[in-house]
Amino acid sequence: MDEKRDEFRSRVLKAATIRFGNGGAISCVVRNMSSRGAALDVESSLDIPDKFELVIDRDGGRYQCHLVWRKATRIGARFQPGAK
């Protein structure tokens, strides 16, 4: 598989919550992260919308995200510039 990222992502293991417009929320785990995006483990990727807010539980970091790819239990998210 070719590496398509233009920035190195650090491996992390952080509990987080995916929040979306209709008041929904899904627990997730951040597996890797850079200043531009992250890979998230989820129970199921089917119900996750194209745009959502990622909230890191421990430090309260908030990121407006756009879904880039999805697999059964992992998604890739790109952070929207200037939308922390």
PDB file of N, CA and C in Angstrom:
ATOM      1  N   MET A   1       0.849  -1.188   0.000  1.00  0.00           N
ATOM      2  CA  MET A   1       0.000   0.000   0.000  1.00  0.00           C
ATOM      3  C   MET A   1       0.886   1.239   0.000  1.00  0.00           C
ATOM      4  N   ASP A   2       0.628   2.155  -0.888  1.00  0.00           N
ATOM      5  CA  ASP A   2       1.393   3.393  -0.976  1.00  0.00           C
ATOM      6  C   ASP A   2       0.955   4.368   0.105  1.00  0.00           C
ATOM      7  N   GLU A   3       1.927   5.052   0.690  1.00  0.00           N
ATOM      8  CA  GLU A   3       1.654   6.069   1.699  1.00  0.00           C
ATOM      9  C   GLU A   3       1.227   7.349   0.995  1.00  0.00           C
ATOM     10  N   LYS A   4       0.019   7.830   1.256  1.00  0.00           N
ATOM     11  CA  LYS A   4      -0.513   9.013   0.579  1.00  0.00           C
ATOM     12  C   LYS A   4      -0.481  10.260   1.458  1.00  0.00           C
ATOM     13  N   ARG A   5      -0.125  10.127   2.702  1.00  0.00           N
ATOM     14  CA  ARG A   5      -0.094  11.285   3.596  1.00  0.00           C
ATOM     15  C   ARG A   5       1.118  12.148   3.292  1.00  0.00           C
ATOM     16  N   ASP A   6       0.961  13.446   3.468  1.00  0.00           N
ATOM     17  CA  ASP A   6       2.095  14.339   3.270  1.00  0.00           C
ATOM     18  C   ASP A   6       2.695  14.780   4.603  1.00  0.00           C
ATOM     19  N   GLU A   7       2.234  14.171   5.680  1.00  0.00           N
ATOM     20  CA  GLU A   7       2.734  14.508   7.009  1.00  0.00           C
ATOM     21  C   GLU A   7       2.731  13.250   7.874  1.00  0.00           C
ATOM     22  N   PHE A   8       3.790  13.060   8.664  1.00  0.00           N
ATOM     23  CA  PHE A   8       3.903  11.907   9.543  1.00  0.00           C
ATOM     24  C   PHE A   8       2.822  11.951  10.623  1.00  0.00           C
ATOM     25  N   ARG A   9       2.230  10.802  10.906  1.00  0.00           N
ATOM     26  CA  ARG A   9       1.251  10.700  11.994  1.00  0.00           C
ATOM     27  C   ARG A   9       1.867   9.945  13.159  1.00  0.00           C
ATOM     28  N   SER A  10       1.703  10.475  14.351  1.00  0.00           N
ATOM     29  CA  SER A  10       2.199   9.831  15.564  1.00  0.00           C
ATOM     30  C   SER A  10       1.206   8.784  16.031  1.00  0.00           C
ATOM     31  N   ARG A  11       1.719   7.645  16.461  1.00  0.00           N
ATOM     32  CA  ARG A  11       0.845   6.629  17.041  1.00  0.00           C
ATOM     33  C   ARG A  11       0.411   7.088  18.424  1.00  0.00           C
ATOM     34  N   VAL A  12      -0.868   7.009  18.675  1.00  0.00           N
ATOM     35  CA  VAL A  12      -1.429   7.387  19.971  1.00  0.00           C
ATOM     36  C   VAL A  12      -2.510   6.378  20.333  1.00  0.00           C
ATOM     37  N   LEU A  13      -2.981   6.458  21.530  1.00  0.00           N
ATOM     38  CA  LEU A  13      -4.094   5.630  21.992  1.00  0.00           C
ATOM     39  C   LEU A  13      -4.904   6.512  22.939  1.00  0.00           C
ATOM     40  N   LYS A  14      -5.869   7.261  22.365  1.00  0.00           N
ATOM     41  CA  LYS A  14      -6.643   8.227  23.144  1.00  0.00           C
ATOM     42  C   LYS A  14      -8.131   7.957  22.991  1.00  0.00           C
ATOM     43  N   ALA A  15      -8.827   7.926  24.110  1.00  0.00           N
ATOM     44  CA  ALA A  15     -10.288   7.813  24.072  1.00  0.00           C
ATOM     45  C   ALA A  15     -10.857   9.135  23.570  1.00  0.00           C
ATOM     46  N   ALA A  16     -11.891   9.040  22.742  1.00  0.00           N
ATOM     47  CA  ALA A  16     -12.488  10.246  22.166  1.00  0.00           C
ATOM     48  C   ALA A  16     -13.956   9.990  21.849  1.00  0.00           C
ATOM     49  N   THR A  17     -14.640  11.053  21.451  1.00  0.00           N
ATOM     50  CA  THR A  17     -16.045  10.968  21.069  1.00  0.00           C
ATOM     51  C   THR A  17     -16.240  11.663  19.732  1.00  0.00           C
ATOM     52  N   ILE A  18     -16.972  11.010  18.847  1.00  0.00           N
ATOM     53  CA  ILE A  18     -17.378  11.600  17.578  1.00  0.00           C
ATOM     54  C   ILE A  18     -18.771  12.170  17.803  1.00  0.00           C
ATOM     55  N   ARG A  19     -18.925  13.478  17.577  1.00  0.00           N
ATOM     56  CA  ARG A  19     -20.233  14.133  17.747  1.00  0.00           C
ATOM     57  C   ARG A  19     -20.692  14.660  16.399  1.00  0.00           C
ATOM     58  N   PHE A  20     -21.997  14.529  16.149  1.00  0.00           N
ATOM     59  CA  PHE A  20     -22.514  15.046  14.891  1.00  0.00           C
ATOM     60  C   PHE A  20     -23.797  15.808  15.090  1.00  0.00           C
ATOM     61  N   GLY A  21     -24.182  16.563  14.052  1.00  0.00           N
ATOM     62  CA  GLY A  21     -25.227  17.571  14.065  1.00  0.00           C
ATOM     63  C   GLY A  21     -26.552  17.222  14.698  1.00  0.00           C
ATOM     64  N   ASN A  22     -27.015  15.998  14.578  1.00  0.00           N
ATOM     65  CA  ASN A  22     -28.331  15.657  15.115  1.00  0.00           C
ATOM     66  C   ASN A  22     -28.290  15.308  16.601  1.00  0.00           C
ATOM     67  N   GLY A  23     -27.179  15.604  17.274  1.00  0.00           N
ATOM     68  CA  GLY A  23     -27.047  15.307  18.694  1.00  0.00           C
ATOM     69  C   GLY A  23     -26.473  13.933  18.970  1.00  0.00           C
ATOM     70  N   GLY A  24     -26.157  13.201  17.932  1.00  0.00           N
ATOM     71  CA  GLY A  24     -25.599  11.864  18.098  1.00  0.00           C
ATOM     72  C   GLY A  24     -24.150  11.905  18.542  1.00  0.00           C
ATOM     73  N   ALA A  25     -23.725  10.824  19.181  1.00  0.00           N
ATOM     74  CA  ALA A  25     -22.344  10.702  19.633  1.00  0.00           C
ATOM     75  C   ALA A  25     -21.938   9.235  19.610  1.00  0.00           C
ATOM     76  N   ILE A  26     -20.695   8.990  19.208  1.00  0.00           N
ATOM     77  CA  ILE A  26     -20.147   7.643  19.137  1.00  0.00           C
ATOM     78  C   ILE A  26     -18.778   7.652  19.796  1.00  0.00           C
ATOM     79  N   SER A  27     -18.533   6.709  20.693  1.00  0.00           N
ATOM     80  CA  SER A  27     -17.213   6.572  21.303  1.00  0.00           C
ATOM     81  C   SER A  27     -16.232   6.018  20.281  1.00  0.00           C
ATOM     82  N   CYS A  28     -14.979   6.444  20.389  1.00  0.00           N
ATOM     83  CA  CYS A  28     -13.949   5.948  19.481  1.00  0.00           C
ATOM     84  C   CYS A  28     -12.597   5.987  20.180  1.00  0.00           C
ATOM     85  N   VAL A  29     -11.592   5.446  19.512  1.00  0.00           N
ATOM     86  CA  VAL A  29     -10.218   5.496  19.991  1.00  0.00           C
ATOM     87  C   VAL A  29      -9.364   6.077  18.875  1.00  0.00           C
ATOM     88  N   VAL A  30      -8.602   7.129  19.189  1.00  0.00           N
ATOM     89  CA  VAL A  30      -7.685   7.719  18.218  1.00  0.00           C
ATOM     90  C   VAL A  30      -6.442   6.836  18.186  1.00  0.00           C
ATOM     91  N   ARG A  31      -6.096   6.309  17.007  1.00  0.00           N
ATOM     92  CA  ARG A  31      -4.964   5.391  16.864  1.00  0.00           C
ATOM     93  C   ARG A  31      -3.712   6.084  16.353  1.00  0.00           C
ATOM     94  N   ASN A  32      -3.869   7.075  15.481  1.00  0.00           N
ATOM     95  CA  ASN A  32      -2.738   7.891  15.061  1.00  0.00           C
ATOM     96  C   ASN A  32      -3.257   9.269  14.706  1.00  0.00           C
ATOM     97  N   MET A  33      -2.339  10.252  14.774  1.00  0.00           N
ATOM     98  CA  MET A  33      -2.792  11.634  14.658  1.00  0.00           C
ATOM     99  C   MET A  33      -1.657  12.518  14.163  1.00  0.00           C
ATOM    100  N   SER A  34      -2.003  13.512  13.354  1.00  0.00           N
ATOM    101  CA  SER A  34      -1.074  14.562  12.941  1.00  0.00           C
ATOM    102  C   SER A  34      -1.812  15.888  13.093  1.00  0.00           C
ATOM    103  N   SER A  35      -1.192  16.965  12.662  1.00  0.00           N
ATOM    104  CA  SER A  35      -1.876  18.259  12.745  1.00  0.00           C
ATOM    105  C   SER A  35      -2.986  18.370  11.702  1.00  0.00           C
ATOM    106  N   ARG A  36      -3.026  17.434  10.745  1.00  0.00           N
ATOM    107  CA  ARG A  36      -4.012  17.498   9.664  1.00  0.00           C
ATOM    108  C   ARG A  36      -5.094  16.436   9.715  1.00  0.00           C
ATOM    109  N   GLY A  37      -4.913  15.391  10.531  1.00  0.00           N
ATOM    110  CA  GLY A  37      -5.924  14.344  10.542  1.00  0.00           C
ATOM    111  C   GLY A  37      -5.608  13.229  11.508  1.00  0.00           C
ATOM    112  N   ALA A  38      -6.469  12.195  11.485  1.00  0.00           N
ATOM    113  CA  ALA A  38      -6.327  11.092  12.429  1.00  0.00           C
ATOM    114  C   ALA A  38      -6.996   9.836  11.885  1.00  0.00           C
ATOM    115  N   ALA A  39      -6.566   8.696  12.417  1.00  0.00           N
ATOM    116  CA  ALA A  39      -7.252   7.428  12.182  1.00  0.00           C
ATOM    117  C   ALA A  39      -7.950   7.061  13.480  1.00  0.00           C
ATOM    118  N   LEU A  40      -9.211   6.663  13.384  1.00  0.00           N
ATOM    119  CA  LEU A  40     -10.032   6.391  14.558  1.00  0.00           C
ATOM    120  C   LEU A  40     -10.598   4.982  14.487  1.00  0.00           C
ATOM    121  N   ASP A  41     -10.524   4.254  15.599  1.00  0.00           N
ATOM    122  CA  ASP A  41     -11.188   2.959  15.700  1.00  0.00           C
ATOM    123  C   ASP A  41     -12.583   3.173  16.258  1.00  0.00           C
ATOM    124  N   VAL A  42     -13.567   2.555  15.617  1.00  0.00           N
ATOM    125  CA  VAL A  42     -14.967   2.667  16.016  1.00  0.00           C
ATOM    126  C   VAL A  42     -15.585   1.275  16.025  1.00  0.00           C
ATOM    127  N   GLU A  43     -16.709   1.130  16.709  1.00  0.00           N
ATOM    128  CA  GLU A  43     -17.397  -0.159  16.722  1.00  0.00           C
ATOM    129  C   GLU A  43     -17.896  -0.510  15.319  1.00  0.00           C
ATOM    130  N   SER A  44     -18.467   0.474  14.634  1.00  0.00           N
ATOM    131  CA  SER A  44     -18.921   0.313  13.251  1.00  0.00           C
ATOM    132  C   SER A  44     -18.828   1.666  12.562  1.00  0.00           C
ATOM    133  N   SER A  45     -18.331   1.676  11.351  1.00  0.00           N
ATOM    134  CA  SER A  45     -18.183   2.944  10.636  1.00  0.00           C
ATOM    135  C   SER A  45     -19.432   3.336   9.845  1.00  0.00           C
ATOM    136  N   LEU A  46     -20.435   2.496   9.841  1.00  0.00           N
ATOM    137  CA  LEU A  46     -21.603   2.717   8.982  1.00  0.00           C
ATOM    138  C   LEU A  46     -22.401   3.975   9.306  1.00  0.00           C
ATOM    139  N   ASP A  47     -22.539   4.321  10.566  1.00  0.00           N
ATOM    140  CA  ASP A  47     -23.398   5.442  10.958  1.00  0.00           C
ATOM    141  C   ASP A  47     -22.666   6.772  11.091  1.00  0.00           C
ATOM    142  N   ILE A  48     -21.416   6.825  10.718  1.00  0.00           N
ATOM    143  CA  ILE A  48     -20.643   8.054  10.883  1.00  0.00           C
ATOM    144  C   ILE A  48     -20.820   8.941   9.650  1.00  0.00           C
ATOM    145  N   PRO A  49     -21.266  10.185   9.863  1.00  0.00           N
ATOM    146  CA  PRO A  49     -21.517  11.091   8.733  1.00  0.00           C
ATOM    147  C   PRO A  49     -20.218  11.629   8.127  1.00  0.00           C
ATOM    148  N   ASP A  50     -20.330  12.294   6.989  1.00  0.00           N
ATOM    149  CA  ASP A  50     -19.165  12.841   6.298  1.00  0.00           C
ATOM    150  C   ASP A  50     -18.495  13.979   7.063  1.00  0.00           C
ATOM    151  N   LYS A  51     -19.267  14.707   7.878  1.00  0.00           N
ATOM    152  CA  LYS A  51     -18.708  15.794   8.690  1.00  0.00           C
ATOM    153  C   LYS A  51     -19.093  15.563  10.142  1.00  0.00           C
ATOM    154  N   PHE A  52     -18.127  15.762  11.048  1.00  0.00           N
ATOM    155  CA  PHE A  52     -18.376  15.547  12.470  1.00  0.00           C
ATOM    156  C   PHE A  52     -17.339  16.290  13.298  1.00  0.00           C
ATOM    157  N   GLU A  53     -17.582  16.338  14.607  1.00  0.00           N
ATOM    158  CA  GLU A  53     -16.627  16.925  15.542  1.00  0.00           C
ATOM    159  C   GLU A  53     -15.985  15.793  16.330  1.00  0.00           C
ATOM    160  N   LEU A  54     -14.660  15.821  16.439  1.00  0.00           N
ATOM    161  CA  LEU A  54     -13.921  14.861  17.253  1.00  0.00           C
ATOM    162  C   LEU A  54     -13.534  15.550  18.549  1.00  0.00           C
ATOM    163  N   VAL A  55     -13.903  14.957  19.689  1.00  0.00           N
ATOM    164  CA  VAL A  55     -13.573  15.518  21.002  1.00  0.00           C
ATOM    165  C   VAL A  55     -12.697  14.512  21.733  1.00  0.00           C
ATOM    166  N   ILE A  56     -11.470  14.917  22.059  1.00  0.00           N
ATOM    167  CA  ILE A  56     -10.539  14.054  22.785  1.00  0.00           C
ATOM    168  C   ILE A  56     -10.898  14.120  24.261  1.00  0.00           C
ATOM    169  N   ASP A  57     -11.189  12.966  24.862  1.00  0.00           N
ATOM    170  CA  ASP A  57     -11.682  12.935  26.241  1.00  0.00           C
ATOM    171  C   ASP A  57     -10.702  13.529  27.245  1.00  0.00           C
ATOM    172  N   ARG A  58      -9.456  13.134  27.206  1.00  0.00           N
ATOM    173  CA  ARG A  58      -8.500  13.512  28.249  1.00  0.00           C
ATOM    174  C   ARG A  58      -8.138  14.997  28.247  1.00  0.00           C
ATOM    175  N   ASP A  59      -7.842  15.554  27.074  1.00  0.00           N
ATOM    176  CA  ASP A  59      -7.398  16.953  27.043  1.00  0.00           C
ATOM    177  C   ASP A  59      -8.457  17.926  26.531  1.00  0.00           C
ATOM    178  N   GLY A  60      -9.626  17.413  26.137  1.00  0.00           N
ATOM    179  CA  GLY A  60     -10.710  18.280  25.690  1.00  0.00           C
ATOM    180  C   GLY A  60     -10.506  18.891  24.316  1.00  0.00           C
ATOM    181  N   GLY A  61      -9.480  18.436  23.586  1.00  0.00           N
ATOM    182  CA  GLY A  61      -9.249  18.952  22.234  1.00  0.00           C
ATOM    183  C   GLY A  61     -10.461  18.701  21.348  1.00  0.00           C
ATOM    184  N   ARG A  62     -10.800  19.673  20.520  1.00  0.00           N
ATOM    185  CA  ARG A  62     -11.956  19.566  19.617  1.00  0.00           C
ATOM    186  C   ARG A  62     -11.496  19.862  18.198  1.00  0.00           C
ATOM    187  N   TYR A  63     -11.924  19.014  17.269  1.00  0.00           N
ATOM    188  CA  TYR A  63     -11.530  19.144  15.873  1.00  0.00           C
ATOM    189  C   TYR A  63     -12.749  18.948  14.982  1.00  0.00           C
ATOM    190  N   GLN A  64     -12.981  19.883  14.084  1.00  0.00           N
ATOM    191  CA  GLN A  64     -14.008  19.711  13.061  1.00  0.00           C
ATOM    192  C   GLN A  64     -13.387  18.837  11.976  1.00  0.00           C
ATOM    193  N   CYS A  65     -14.075  17.758  11.615  1.00  0.00           N
ATOM    194  CA  CYS A  65     -13.487  16.751  10.731  1.00  0.00           C
ATOM    195  C   CYS A  65     -14.336  16.477   9.502  1.00  0.00           C
ATOM    196  N   HIS A  66     -13.644  16.000   8.479  1.00  0.00           N
ATOM    197  CA  HIS A  66     -14.276  15.522   7.254  1.00  0.00           C
ATOM    198  C   HIS A  66     -13.824  14.075   7.066  1.00  0.00           C
ATOM    199  N   LEU A  67     -14.763  13.169   6.884  1.00  0.00           N
ATOM    200  CA  LEU A  67     -14.456  11.752   6.686  1.00  0.00           C
ATOM    201  C   LEU A  67     -13.753  11.569   5.343  1.00  0.00           C
ATOM    202  N   VAL A  68     -12.589  10.908   5.365  1.00  0.00           N
ATOM    203  CA  VAL A  68     -11.809  10.697   4.151  1.00  0.00           C
ATOM    204  C   VAL A  68     -11.969   9.266   3.641  1.00  0.00           C
ATOM    205  N   TRP A  69     -11.942   8.300   4.536  1.00  0.00           N
ATOM    206  CA  TRP A  69     -12.121   6.897   4.168  1.00  0.00           C
ATOM    207  C   TRP A  69     -12.726   6.138   5.338  1.00  0.00           C
ATOM    208  N   ARG A  70     -13.293   4.978   5.041  1.00  0.00           N
ATOM    209  CA  ARG A  70     -13.854   4.137   6.095  1.00  0.00           C
ATOM    210  C   ARG A  70     -13.618   2.671   5.777  1.00  0.00           C
ATOM    211  N   LYS A  71     -13.347   1.911   6.813  1.00  0.00           N
ATOM    212  CA  LYS A  71     -13.299   0.451   6.762  1.00  0.00           C
ATOM    213  C   LYS A  71     -14.304  -0.016   7.800  1.00  0.00           C
ATOM    214  N   ALA A  72     -14.396  -1.291   8.036  1.00  0.00           N
ATOM    215  CA  ALA A  72     -15.419  -1.821   8.943  1.00  0.00           C
ATOM    216  C   ALA A  72     -15.368  -1.178  10.324  1.00  0.00           C
ATOM    217  N   THR A  73     -14.178  -1.094  10.922  1.00  0.00           N
ATOM    218  CA  THR A  73     -14.067  -0.567  12.285  1.00  0.00           C
ATOM    219  C   THR A  73     -13.006   0.527  12.416  1.00  0.00           C
ATOM    220  N   ARG A  74     -12.595   1.122  11.307  1.00  0.00           N
ATOM    221  CA  ARG A  74     -11.623   2.220  11.358  1.00  0.00           C
ATOM    222  C   ARG A  74     -11.992   3.254  10.305  1.00  0.00           C
ATOM    223  N   ILE A  75     -11.815   4.527  10.666  1.00  0.00           N
ATOM    224  CA  ILE A  75     -12.057   5.609   9.711  1.00  0.00           C
ATOM    225  C   ILE A  75     -10.854   6.545   9.675  1.00  0.00           C
ATOM    226  N   GLY A  76     -10.728   7.246   8.574  1.00  0.00           N
ATOM    227  CA  GLY A  76      -9.721   8.286   8.437  1.00  0.00           C
ATOM    228  C   GLY A  76     -10.414   9.629   8.383  1.00  0.00           C
ATOM    229  N   ALA A  77      -9.927  10.577   9.161  1.00  0.00           N
ATOM    230  CA  ALA A  77     -10.540  11.903   9.225  1.00  0.00           C
ATOM    231  C   ALA A  77      -9.501  12.972   8.922  1.00  0.00           C
ATOM    232  N   ARG A  78      -9.916  13.985   8.187  1.00  0.00           N
ATOM    233  CA  ARG A  78      -9.073  15.145   7.929  1.00  0.00           C
ATOM    234  C   ARG A  78      -9.638  16.305   8.736  1.00  0.00           C
ATOM    235  N   PHE A  79      -8.758  16.994   9.460  1.00  0.00           N
ATOM    236  CA  PHE A  79      -9.192  18.155  10.229  1.00  0.00           C
ATOM    237  C   PHE A  79      -9.407  19.331   9.283  1.00  0.00           C
ATOM    238  N   GLN A  80     -10.481  20.076   9.517  1.00  0.00           N
ATOM    239  CA  GLN A  80     -10.735  21.271   8.719  1.00  0.00           C
ATOM    240  C   GLN A  80      -9.819  22.379   9.215  1.00  0.00           C
ATOM    241  N   PRO A  81      -9.039  22.987   8.339  1.00  0.00           N
ATOM    242  CA  PRO A  81      -8.104  24.040   8.754  1.00  0.00           C
ATOM    243  C   PRO A  81      -8.812  25.180   9.477  1.00  0.00           C
ATOM    244  N   GLY A  82      -8.232  25.607  10.589  1.00  0.00           N
ATOM    245  CA  GLY A  82      -8.768  26.730  11.340  1.00  0.00           C
ATOM    246  C   GLY A  82     -10.080  26.470  12.046  1.00  0.00           C
ATOM    247  N   ALA A  83     -10.497  25.211  12.138  1.00  0.00           N
ATOM    248  CA  ALA A  83     -11.805  24.906  12.730  1.00  0.00           C
ATOM    249  C   ALA A  83     -11.665  24.078  13.994  1.00  0.00           C
ATOM    250  N   LYS A  84     -10.718  24.415  14.845  1.00  0.00           N
ATOM    251  CA  LYS A  84     -10.547  23.691  16.109  1.00  0.00           C
ATOM    252  C   LYS A  84     -11.584  24.116  17.100  1.00  0.00           C
TER     253      LYS A  84
END
